[in-house]
């Protein structure tokens, strides 16, 4: 009798609550977050824990599949995410000239996959090159959304708001991903719109390695980037703001042309050498973003995904590009000072090779988190599709399992690049993730926020 009462109560609550919602594009069971029982699952009634299930909410399923709720709380805390890259249409939209309906359906399909695999977050690129895949009064619409730089989509729609609405229905976090200083992608030839950074601050816009790049040493440019980030956090219910590894650009063998800005710094009494000055510019941006965003929304999560090697030779035996010396990123400092809520080092190497070992690097990174900040490893799903020495899917399985062995030391999840390989189910990656993520997990709690 008690069980019958619980089921009736759940039915009544669901019927009343869902009537207030726009019906989602997935089974109602898996898109409604019940305040007491959480998210349901469409499974056979015989497999439902505590026999707590209801009919009518698994619309696309056979009659023996019911909406099941478990009274057992979700205990695992694990960040399970993907990067959705929009630059050059890597992951989404499939075409910059696709219709609005097609683009929206593609986003929904991505979110349905994330939900089906019991993943819980997406990192969505909304500003690939001083442009916007959202409605901005500060920057132009992105070429990669509309086919023409600076032209709004027709019919008008807002991809960031759309993905937020659809993701939050599915209990999926959305972290807005911005690139701070890139003003035009490599090889692109369009003329930037008047609201693009390169037009706003032409004296600090440099052509470098066939890209258009802003000077991180310019206070005007720094302030503008901060304003863009603040605008996103004020107007959108994003769960986090995210920056990847691009600060000073990857070198093309020539010197980055910021000598005038550096000379101005020296003339004002600055005593740092150029390398330290460049790092101080990046550190200022990171610290300022952390402080300003949390002043607006104290619970917002701020994360960075730097290149996976801090310095060549650190830890011992690791060799490769040094982000400290080449990109001027002292990403270790951000962990140590607590000016990020999470760090996602791009550990795009296999476990076994000693020169760039996933295992050695992850172990080193979590050792730098002296303020208790989370480390979510970045994993290279794209390497399963590379032409030379493609990975087996078992490499990624091993990496997730290895990360989990360090969870008590703040290695609390994995982020996969890129969405494309997961959506295409390359080498059965979806099947393997389904085995790894058989149970739901909540996004790790950040007790300092």
Foldseek 3Di string as FASTA:
>chain_A
DVLVVVLVVVVVVLVVVCVVDDDAPAQQQQLAQDPQQGGWDFDAQVPAPPSRWDPDRHVVDDRRTTTHTHNDDFDAAFAAEFEQDLVVHPHPDVALQDAPVSRLVSLLLLLVLCLLLQHAEYEYEAAEAQAGLADDPQGAHDCSNNVDTRDAHVVHDRVQQSSVVSNVSNNHAYAYEHEQWWHFDAPDDDDGDCSGPCNVCVVQWDQANNTTTGDLLDPVSLVSSLVVLLVCLQPDPHQEYEYEAADPHFHPPDDDPPVVSVVVCVVVPDDDDPLQSSLVSVVVSLLSNLVVSCVNPVRRFYEYAHALAQAACVPHQAGDDHCCRRVVHNPLVCLQVVSGQEYAYALADFQPDRHRHSLRSVVRSLVSNPVLHAYEYEYELVQCVDPPPRDALVRVVVSQVSLVVCVVSRHRYYYYPHSVCVSVCRNVNSVSSSVVPVDHHHHDDRVVD
